[in-house]
């Protein structure tokens, strides 16, 4: 069986890494297909280096753009590659335009499609990610749900039971496999002048936050109040989109917020694991902080990771400054003390086993 592993953003690179390593370990034939949705060295190439992954077989170099134009370029490029390489199964992960394009291009060619991290739902159709994940789930043949909650979402939408497989989340392996590697990659905290537990980590990249002046301004007010109340410095590895929009909107960082360049995954793990708390709009950071025992406050109106909220690792507060402060106040003392709800290790191996058991679409 020949696999095509499609990815295009840094979270996909991280979460697909256990599957890629499993394919390598077994000596299976696979192509690593990069759409180029994230295209700077800091946002993607450094992740291949740090995670010791092979270079992509092909990079479509699509870059940024409007949803329709970007997805259309991906569809055309992926269709050509699949026609030439003739994979037996295409694996996509998550909820990006890359996922939607990969699933559509493959299913229209009659290729078996596996969606890693299937069934996550925010139940908010204003989020482009929600549209992508729903559409990918409904055209995919193999739905790799990370938890029983996500599997239940798929069943509620009428998807056939034989397509649904609860595998656990690959992020569990991605974090645990790389913690030791991260420790050997130098002292990131020292390089940034940080001490364990002495700072708050924030990340922002979601369109609904960083493309809205009002929401972004509210978040900045919230960060200022959090810094004042806690006395902790807030470290922000800044996504290029957020940096650009701060300048466009004429917004300034509060005095206790320090922006740093995007970090490689291993450096980010060091900073994330030693933080007093994470303030984020990232789904991946909600999961990673839960695994690492770091309390999380989610700067969104909803989350597709409700398991993290249920176990007390995460609270969803939106972008109102008062709610942000309240969330930090409630979560800061909670470090650790919960059982990880994201599944056992070995999701990558389970996913590969299921694929190998299916040689034809059906």
Protein backbone atom coordinates (compact mmCIF):
# COMPACT_ATOMS: atom_id res chain seq x y z
CA UNK A 1 0.00 0.00 0.00
CA UNK A 2 1.27 3.42 -0.96
CA UNK A 3 0.39 6.33 1.33
CA UNK A 4 0.22 10.04 0.63
CA UNK A 5 0.44 12.13 3.79
CA UNK A 6 -0.91 15.61 3.03
CA UNK A 7 -0.03 18.56 5.25
CA UNK A 8 0.36 22.28 4.90
CA UNK A 9 0.58 23.98 8.30
CA UNK A 10 2.73 23.66 11.41
CA UNK A 11 0.02 21.92 13.50
CA UNK A 12 -0.39 19.33 10.73
CA UNK A 13 3.35 18.73 10.61
CA UNK A 14 3.42 18.18 14.37
CA UNK A 15 0.34 15.96 14.53
CA UNK A 16 1.25 13.89 11.48
CA UNK A 17 4.80 13.29 12.74
CA UNK A 18 3.91 10.11 14.73
CA UNK A 19 2.24 8.66 11.61
CA UNK A 20 5.22 9.53 9.42
CA UNK A 21 7.58 7.94 11.94
CA UNK A 22 5.39 4.82 12.04
CA UNK A 23 5.44 4.56 8.24
CA UNK A 24 9.23 4.92 8.31
CA UNK A 25 9.61 2.35 11.09
CA UNK A 26 7.63 -0.23 9.11
CA UNK A 27 9.40 0.53 5.83
CA UNK A 28 6.13 1.43 4.09
CA UNK A 29 5.95 3.38 0.86
CA UNK A 30 4.76 6.94 1.36
CA UNK A 31 4.94 10.44 -0.08
CA UNK A 32 4.96 13.54 2.09
CA UNK A 33 2.88 16.15 0.28
CA UNK A 34 3.17 19.78 1.41
CA UNK A 35 0.68 22.31 0.07
CA UNK A 36 2.75 25.26 1.28
CA UNK A 37 -0.17 26.83 3.20
CA UNK A 38 2.44 27.83 5.80
CA UNK A 39 5.42 28.89 3.78
CA UNK A 40 8.03 30.69 5.90
CA UNK A 41 11.02 28.94 7.44
CA UNK A 42 9.85 29.80 10.95
CA UNK A 43 6.34 28.53 10.30
CA UNK A 44 7.10 25.20 8.65
CA UNK A 45 10.62 24.27 7.48
CA UNK A 46 12.04 24.50 11.00
CA UNK A 47 9.46 21.90 12.09
CA UNK A 48 10.73 19.33 9.58
CA UNK A 49 14.25 19.94 10.83
CA UNK A 50 13.43 19.81 14.53
CA UNK A 51 11.20 16.74 14.30
CA UNK A 52 13.73 14.97 12.07
CA UNK A 53 11.15 14.36 9.37
CA UNK A 54 12.00 13.73 5.72
CA UNK A 55 11.80 16.62 3.31
CA UNK A 56 8.45 16.77 1.48
CA UNK A 57 8.24 14.76 -1.73
CA UNK A 58 6.56 17.77 -3.30
CA UNK A 59 5.73 21.29 -2.12
CA UNK A 60 2.91 22.99 -4.02
CA UNK A 61 4.00 26.39 -2.63
CA UNK A 62 0.44 27.69 -2.62
CA UNK A 63 1.08 30.35 0.03
CA UNK A 64 -1.58 32.64 1.47
CA UNK A 65 -4.72 33.94 -0.20
CA UNK A 66 -8.49 34.06 -0.04
CA UNK A 67 -10.14 30.77 0.92
CA UNK A 68 -11.49 30.00 -2.55
CA UNK A 69 -8.31 30.88 -4.43
CA UNK A 70 -6.06 29.07 -1.96
CA UNK A 71 -8.19 25.92 -1.84
CA UNK A 72 -8.57 25.92 -5.63
CA UNK A 73 -4.80 26.02 -6.16
CA UNK A 74 -4.39 23.16 -3.72
CA UNK A 75 -7.08 21.08 -5.43
CA UNK A 76 -5.46 21.47 -8.83
CA UNK A 77 -1.96 20.67 -7.57
CA UNK A 78 -3.02 17.73 -5.42
CA UNK A 79 -5.12 16.22 -8.21
CA UNK A 80 -2.12 16.30 -10.56
CA UNK A 81 0.15 14.72 -7.96
CA UNK A 82 -2.31 11.97 -7.05
CA UNK A 83 -2.90 11.14 -10.72
CA UNK A 84 0.85 10.80 -11.25
CA UNK A 85 1.78 9.00 -8.01
CA UNK A 86 -1.34 6.80 -7.70
CA UNK A 87 -1.53 6.45 -3.89
CA UNK A 88 -3.75 3.79 -2.34
CA UNK A 89 -4.64 5.97 0.64
CA UNK A 90 -4.46 9.71 1.34
CA UNK A 91 -4.21 10.89 4.94
CA UNK A 92 -5.24 14.41 5.96
CA UNK A 93 -5.34 15.90 9.46
CA UNK A 94 -7.42 18.56 11.17
CA UNK A 95 -9.44 21.44 9.80
CA UNK A 96 -7.44 23.62 7.40
CA UNK A 97 -7.94 24.42 3.72
CA UNK A 98 -5.22 21.83 3.09
CA UNK A 99 -7.41 19.15 4.71
CA UNK A 100 -10.44 20.07 2.64
CA UNK A 101 -8.48 20.18 -0.62
CA UNK A 102 -6.67 16.91 0.10
CA UNK A 103 -9.86 15.04 0.93
CA UNK A 104 -11.79 16.39 -2.06
CA UNK A 105 -9.01 15.81 -4.57
CA UNK A 106 -8.51 12.23 -3.41
CA UNK A 107 -12.16 11.17 -3.11
CA UNK A 108 -12.96 12.48 -6.60
CA UNK A 109 -10.20 10.23 -7.93
CA UNK A 110 -11.58 7.20 -6.08
CA UNK A 111 -8.68 7.09 -3.60
CA UNK A 112 -9.23 5.92 -0.01
CA UNK A 113 -9.25 8.97 2.31
CA UNK A 114 -8.43 8.88 6.01
CA UNK A 115 -9.19 11.94 8.16
CA UNK A 116 -7.00 12.13 11.24
CA UNK A 117 -8.67 14.00 14.14
CA UNK A 118 -12.15 13.46 12.73
CA UNK A 119 -15.32 14.45 14.56
CA UNK A 120 -14.15 17.59 16.36
CA UNK A 121 -16.95 20.15 16.46
CA UNK A 122 -17.27 23.70 17.76
CA UNK A 123 -20.85 23.85 16.42
CA UNK A 124 -20.05 27.32 15.08
CA UNK A 125 -20.47 27.51 11.31
CA UNK A 126 -19.03 31.03 11.22
CA UNK A 127 -15.60 29.43 11.72
CA UNK A 128 -14.01 28.38 8.41
CA UNK A 129 -12.30 25.55 10.29
CA UNK A 130 -15.69 24.10 11.24
CA UNK A 131 -16.78 24.01 7.60
CA UNK A 132 -13.53 22.32 6.60
CA UNK A 133 -13.71 19.62 9.26
CA UNK A 134 -17.38 18.81 8.61
CA UNK A 135 -16.88 18.54 4.85
CA UNK A 136 -13.71 16.48 5.23
CA UNK A 137 -15.49 14.07 7.56
CA UNK A 138 -18.41 13.57 5.21
CA UNK A 139 -16.28 12.65 2.19
CA UNK A 140 -13.66 10.56 4.01
CA UNK A 141 -13.72 6.76 4.11
CA UNK A 142 -11.83 6.33 7.38
CA UNK A 143 -12.66 8.66 10.26
CA UNK A 144 -9.96 8.57 12.92
CA UNK A 145 -11.75 10.09 15.91
CA UNK A 146 -9.41 10.95 18.79
CA UNK A 147 -12.02 10.41 21.54
CA UNK A 148 -15.47 8.94 22.15
CA UNK A 149 -16.84 12.49 22.24
CA UNK A 150 -15.66 13.16 18.69
CA UNK A 151 -16.90 9.74 17.57
CA UNK A 152 -20.31 10.62 19.04
CA UNK A 153 -20.38 13.80 16.95
CA UNK A 154 -19.85 11.74 13.81
CA UNK A 155 -22.61 9.31 14.73
CA UNK A 156 -24.98 12.21 15.44
CA UNK A 157 -24.42 13.41 11.87
CA UNK A 158 -25.42 10.01 10.52
CA UNK A 159 -22.00 8.83 9.41
CA UNK A 160 -21.77 5.03 9.16
CA UNK A 161 -20.32 3.18 12.15
CA UNK A 162 -17.94 1.20 9.94
CA UNK A 163 -16.13 4.39 8.97
CA UNK A 164 -15.56 5.53 12.56
CA UNK A 165 -12.44 4.44 14.47
CA UNK A 166 -11.51 5.81 17.92
CA UNK A 167 -7.72 5.93 17.83
CA UNK A 168 -6.64 8.49 20.42
CA UNK A 169 -4.99 11.73 19.44
CA UNK A 170 -1.60 11.77 17.69
CA UNK A 171 -0.69 14.91 19.66
CA UNK A 172 -0.19 12.71 22.75
CA UNK A 173 2.67 10.92 21.00
CA UNK A 174 3.91 14.10 19.31
CA UNK A 175 4.32 15.78 22.70
CA UNK A 176 5.67 12.82 24.66
CA UNK A 177 8.06 11.64 21.94
CA UNK A 178 9.61 15.07 21.68
CA UNK A 179 9.88 16.16 25.30
CA UNK A 180 13.27 14.48 25.77
CA UNK A 181 14.49 15.72 22.39
CA UNK A 182 13.38 19.24 23.37
CA UNK A 183 15.36 19.06 26.63
CA UNK A 184 18.50 18.30 24.64
CA UNK A 185 18.04 21.17 22.21
CA UNK A 186 19.45 23.86 24.44
CA UNK A 187 18.04 26.12 27.12
CA UNK A 188 15.23 28.04 25.43
CA UNK A 189 14.04 29.51 28.73
CA UNK A 190 17.50 30.82 29.50
CA UNK A 191 17.87 32.26 26.01
CA UNK A 192 14.59 34.16 26.47
CA UNK A 193 15.38 35.20 30.04
CA UNK A 194 12.50 33.16 31.50
CA UNK A 195 12.20 31.07 34.64
CA UNK A 196 9.85 28.14 35.19
CA UNK A 197 6.43 29.26 36.39
CA UNK A 198 7.40 32.91 36.13
CA UNK A 199 5.48 33.86 32.99
CA UNK A 200 2.29 33.34 30.99
CA UNK A 201 2.43 32.06 27.41
CA UNK A 202 0.02 33.44 24.82
CA UNK A 203 -0.60 32.50 21.18
CA UNK A 204 -3.06 34.04 18.73
CA UNK A 205 -3.69 33.21 15.10
CA UNK A 206 -7.40 32.54 14.52
CA UNK A 207 -9.00 34.62 11.79
CA UNK A 208 -11.91 35.66 14.00
CA UNK A 209 -9.46 37.17 16.51
CA UNK A 210 -6.51 38.59 14.64
CA UNK A 211 -8.47 39.86 11.63
CA UNK A 212 -10.91 41.79 13.84
CA UNK A 213 -9.65 45.07 15.26
CA UNK A 214 -12.25 45.06 18.02
CA UNK A 215 -11.56 41.51 19.18
CA UNK A 216 -7.80 41.94 18.98
CA UNK A 217 -7.99 45.24 20.89
CA UNK A 218 -10.13 43.58 23.59
CA UNK A 219 -7.61 40.76 23.94
CA UNK A 220 -4.79 43.29 24.36
CA UNK A 221 -6.75 45.04 27.12
CA UNK A 222 -7.31 41.65 28.76
CA UNK A 223 -3.59 40.83 28.55
CA UNK A 224 -2.71 44.18 30.10
CA UNK A 225 -5.07 43.54 33.03
CA UNK A 226 -3.77 39.99 33.46
CA UNK A 227 -0.19 41.22 33.57
CA UNK A 228 -1.06 43.90 36.11
CA UNK A 229 -3.03 41.55 38.38
CA UNK A 230 -0.62 38.60 38.29
CA UNK A 231 2.65 40.50 38.05
CA UNK A 232 3.75 37.94 35.44
CA UNK A 233 5.32 38.72 32.10
CA UNK A 234 3.31 37.51 29.10
CA UNK A 235 5.40 35.92 26.34
CA UNK A 236 3.88 35.94 22.86
CA UNK A 237 5.57 33.98 20.02
CA UNK A 238 3.90 36.08 17.38
CA UNK A 239 2.28 34.61 14.28
CA UNK A 240 3.08 36.71 11.14
CA UNK A 241 -0.63 37.35 10.58
CA UNK A 242 -1.06 38.78 14.07
CA UNK A 243 2.05 40.94 13.71
CA UNK A 244 0.85 42.36 10.40
CA UNK A 245 -2.61 43.16 11.75
CA UNK A 246 -1.29 44.82 14.89
CA UNK A 247 0.53 47.24 12.61
CA UNK A 248 -2.44 47.62 10.24
CA UNK A 249 -4.85 48.36 13.10
CA UNK A 250 -2.41 50.70 14.85
CA UNK A 251 -2.47 48.66 18.07
CA UNK A 252 0.38 48.54 20.58
CA UNK A 253 1.43 45.77 22.92
CA UNK A 254 0.82 46.31 26.64
CA UNK A 255 3.94 46.88 28.72
CA UNK A 256 3.95 43.40 30.30
CA UNK A 257 3.57 41.62 26.94
CA UNK A 258 6.78 40.65 25.14
CA UNK A 259 6.57 39.50 21.53
CA UNK A 260 9.16 36.99 20.34
CA UNK A 261 9.67 35.35 16.96
CA UNK A 262 7.77 32.11 16.23
CA UNK A 263 9.44 29.16 17.94
CA UNK A 264 10.23 25.71 16.57
CA UNK A 265 8.09 22.96 18.06
CA UNK A 266 10.80 21.72 20.39
CA UNK A 267 11.59 25.21 21.68
CA UNK A 268 7.88 25.90 22.01
CA UNK A 269 7.42 22.72 24.05
CA UNK A 270 10.05 23.92 26.52
CA UNK A 271 8.37 27.31 26.89
CA UNK A 272 4.87 25.84 27.02
CA UNK A 273 5.72 23.18 29.58
CA UNK A 274 7.31 25.68 31.98
CA UNK A 275 4.61 28.36 31.73
CA UNK A 276 2.37 29.22 34.66
CA UNK A 277 -0.58 29.33 32.26
CA UNK A 278 -1.42 29.40 28.55
CA UNK A 279 -3.68 32.04 26.98
CA UNK A 280 -4.53 30.93 23.46
CA UNK A 281 -6.96 30.61 20.58
CA UNK A 282 -5.14 27.52 19.28
CA UNK A 283 -6.75 24.09 19.39
CA UNK A 284 -3.33 22.46 19.48
CA UNK A 285 -2.18 24.49 22.46
CA UNK A 286 -5.35 23.55 24.34
CA UNK A 287 -4.37 19.90 23.85
CA UNK A 288 -0.64 20.29 24.48
CA UNK A 289 -1.10 22.29 27.67
CA UNK A 290 -3.56 19.66 28.91
CA UNK A 291 -0.96 16.94 28.32
CA UNK A 292 1.78 19.01 29.97
CA UNK A 293 -0.29 19.90 33.06
CA UNK A 294 -0.37 23.62 32.24
CA UNK A 295 -3.73 25.37 32.86
CA UNK A 296 -5.25 26.94 29.77
CA UNK A 297 -7.56 29.90 29.12
CA UNK A 298 -9.03 29.81 25.60
CA UNK A 299 -9.63 33.16 23.90
CA UNK A 300 -12.53 31.98 21.77
CA UNK A 301 -16.29 31.76 22.09
CA UNK A 302 -16.30 27.96 21.83
CA UNK A 303 -13.97 25.00 21.54
CA UNK A 304 -13.91 21.75 19.62
CA UNK A 305 -11.84 20.27 22.49
CA UNK A 306 -14.56 20.06 25.18
CA UNK A 307 -12.76 17.15 26.86
CA UNK A 308 -10.09 19.58 28.11
CA UNK A 309 -12.76 21.77 29.71
CA UNK A 310 -14.56 18.82 31.28
CA UNK A 311 -11.45 17.62 33.14
CA UNK A 312 -10.67 21.13 34.44
CA UNK A 313 -7.60 21.80 32.29
CA UNK A 314 -9.16 24.56 30.21
CA UNK A 315 -11.77 27.33 30.37
CA UNK A 316 -13.30 29.17 27.39
CA UNK A 317 -13.67 32.93 27.96
CA UNK A 318 -13.99 34.66 24.58
CA UNK A 319 -12.36 38.08 24.19
CA UNK A 320 -14.07 40.21 26.82
CA UNK A 321 -11.27 41.65 29.02
CA UNK A 322 -13.14 41.01 32.29
CA UNK A 323 -13.82 37.39 31.39
CA UNK A 324 -10.17 36.92 30.40
CA UNK A 325 -9.05 38.16 33.82
CA UNK A 326 -11.63 35.97 35.58
CA UNK A 327 -10.49 32.96 33.59
CA UNK A 328 -6.85 33.52 34.50
CA UNK A 329 -7.78 34.08 38.14
CA UNK A 330 -9.66 30.76 38.27
CA UNK A 331 -7.13 28.68 36.32
CA UNK A 332 -3.77 29.93 37.58
CA UNK A 333 -3.81 27.81 40.78
CA UNK A 334 -4.87 24.62 38.97
CA UNK A 335 -1.59 23.45 37.46
CA UNK A 336 -1.79 19.69 36.85
CA UNK A 337 -4.15 17.50 38.80
CA UNK A 338 -6.20 16.17 35.89
CA UNK A 339 -6.05 12.99 33.87
CA UNK A 340 -5.34 13.54 30.18
CA UNK A 341 -8.61 12.91 28.28
CA UNK A 342 -7.05 12.69 24.81
CA UNK A 343 -6.39 8.96 24.64
CA UNK A 344 -3.50 6.59 25.10
CA UNK A 345 -0.18 6.64 23.27
CA UNK A 346 0.13 4.79 19.98
CA UNK A 347 -2.47 6.56 17.83
CA UNK A 348 -0.11 6.64 14.85
CA UNK A 349 0.33 2.87 14.89
CA UNK A 350 -3.40 2.27 15.23
CA UNK A 351 -4.12 4.55 12.27
CA UNK A 352 -1.59 2.78 10.05
CA UNK A 353 -2.97 -0.64 11.07
CA UNK A 354 -6.51 0.39 10.11
CA UNK A 355 -5.33 1.71 6.74
CA UNK A 356 -3.44 -1.50 6.00
CA UNK A 357 -6.64 -3.41 6.69
CA UNK A 358 -8.42 -1.52 3.93
CA UNK A 359 -7.15 -1.87 0.38
CA UNK A 360 -10.31 -0.73 -1.40
CA UNK A 361 -12.80 2.07 -0.90
CA UNK A 362 -16.16 1.03 0.45
